[in-house]
């Protein structure tokens, strides 16, 4: 099964994986320690797992795109 992401979806997912999720995890971890918020380890771990999953989707999509482009270029 080939995963193909629309360019806009790819860009949004990449931004979420590279910027939003790591920043959110760091923020919650820091604030949980300062304010005694519960489940810091569980929440930050969940964010890391979601980040890894989305990163894998992006990686598979990128590899599929590159294979498609290489095949298209070799036909020309």
Protein backbone atom coordinates (compact mmCIF):
# COMPACT_ATOMS: atom_id res chain seq x y z
CA UNK A 1 0.00 0.00 0.00
CA UNK A 2 1.40 3.36 -1.02
CA UNK A 3 0.63 6.34 1.15
CA UNK A 4 0.31 9.51 -0.89
CA UNK A 5 -0.21 12.77 0.89
CA UNK A 6 -1.45 15.94 -0.70
CA UNK A 7 1.23 18.69 -0.58
CA UNK A 8 -0.80 20.77 1.88
CA UNK A 9 -1.40 17.78 4.18
CA UNK A 10 2.30 16.88 3.97
CA UNK A 11 3.36 20.42 4.89
CA UNK A 12 0.94 20.62 7.81
CA UNK A 13 1.95 17.20 9.16
CA UNK A 14 5.63 18.07 8.81
CA UNK A 15 5.09 21.32 10.74
CA UNK A 16 3.17 19.47 13.46
CA UNK A 17 5.84 16.76 13.76
CA UNK A 18 8.85 19.08 13.66
CA UNK A 19 7.55 22.09 15.61
CA UNK A 20 4.25 21.67 17.43
CA UNK A 21 4.52 18.27 19.11
CA UNK A 22 8.08 18.66 20.44
CA UNK A 23 7.27 22.17 21.70
CA UNK A 24 4.05 20.99 23.31
CA UNK A 25 5.83 18.09 25.01
CA UNK A 26 8.56 20.36 26.35
CA UNK A 27 6.01 22.91 27.54
CA UNK A 28 3.86 20.38 29.36
CA UNK A 29 6.89 18.68 30.89
CA UNK A 30 8.25 21.97 32.22
CA UNK A 31 4.92 23.26 33.50
CA UNK A 32 3.97 19.93 35.05
CA UNK A 33 7.17 20.01 37.08
CA UNK A 34 6.59 23.59 38.19
CA UNK A 35 2.89 23.35 38.94
CA UNK A 36 2.57 19.71 39.96
CA UNK A 37 0.34 18.78 37.03
CA UNK A 38 -0.46 15.07 36.79
CA UNK A 39 0.65 12.44 34.30
CA UNK A 40 3.62 14.37 32.89
CA UNK A 41 5.47 11.21 31.85
CA UNK A 42 2.37 9.68 30.27
CA UNK A 43 1.38 12.82 28.36
CA UNK A 44 4.87 13.56 27.08
CA UNK A 45 5.30 9.89 26.14
CA UNK A 46 2.01 9.94 24.26
CA UNK A 47 3.05 13.06 22.37
CA UNK A 48 6.36 11.40 21.46
CA UNK A 49 4.52 8.29 20.18
CA UNK A 50 2.16 10.39 18.04
CA UNK A 51 5.16 12.35 16.74
CA UNK A 52 6.96 9.12 15.79
CA UNK A 53 3.86 7.74 14.05
CA UNK A 54 3.27 10.91 12.03
CA UNK A 55 6.97 11.11 11.22
CA UNK A 56 6.82 7.57 9.85
CA UNK A 57 3.84 8.51 7.65
CA UNK A 58 5.75 11.48 6.32
CA UNK A 59 8.79 9.31 5.65
CA UNK A 60 6.77 6.69 3.77
CA UNK A 61 5.03 9.39 1.76
CA UNK A 62 8.35 11.04 0.89
CA UNK A 63 9.88 7.73 -0.21
CA UNK A 64 6.85 6.95 -2.39
CA UNK A 65 6.99 10.40 -3.96
CA UNK A 66 10.71 10.05 -4.73
CA UNK A 67 10.17 6.62 -6.30
CA UNK A 68 7.37 8.04 -8.43
CA UNK A 69 9.50 10.99 -9.52
CA UNK A 70 12.45 8.72 -10.35
CA UNK A 71 10.21 6.47 -12.43
CA UNK A 72 8.71 9.47 -14.20
CA UNK A 73 12.16 10.95 -14.91
CA UNK A 74 13.44 7.67 -16.33
CA UNK A 75 10.51 7.53 -18.76
CA UNK A 76 11.46 10.87 -20.29
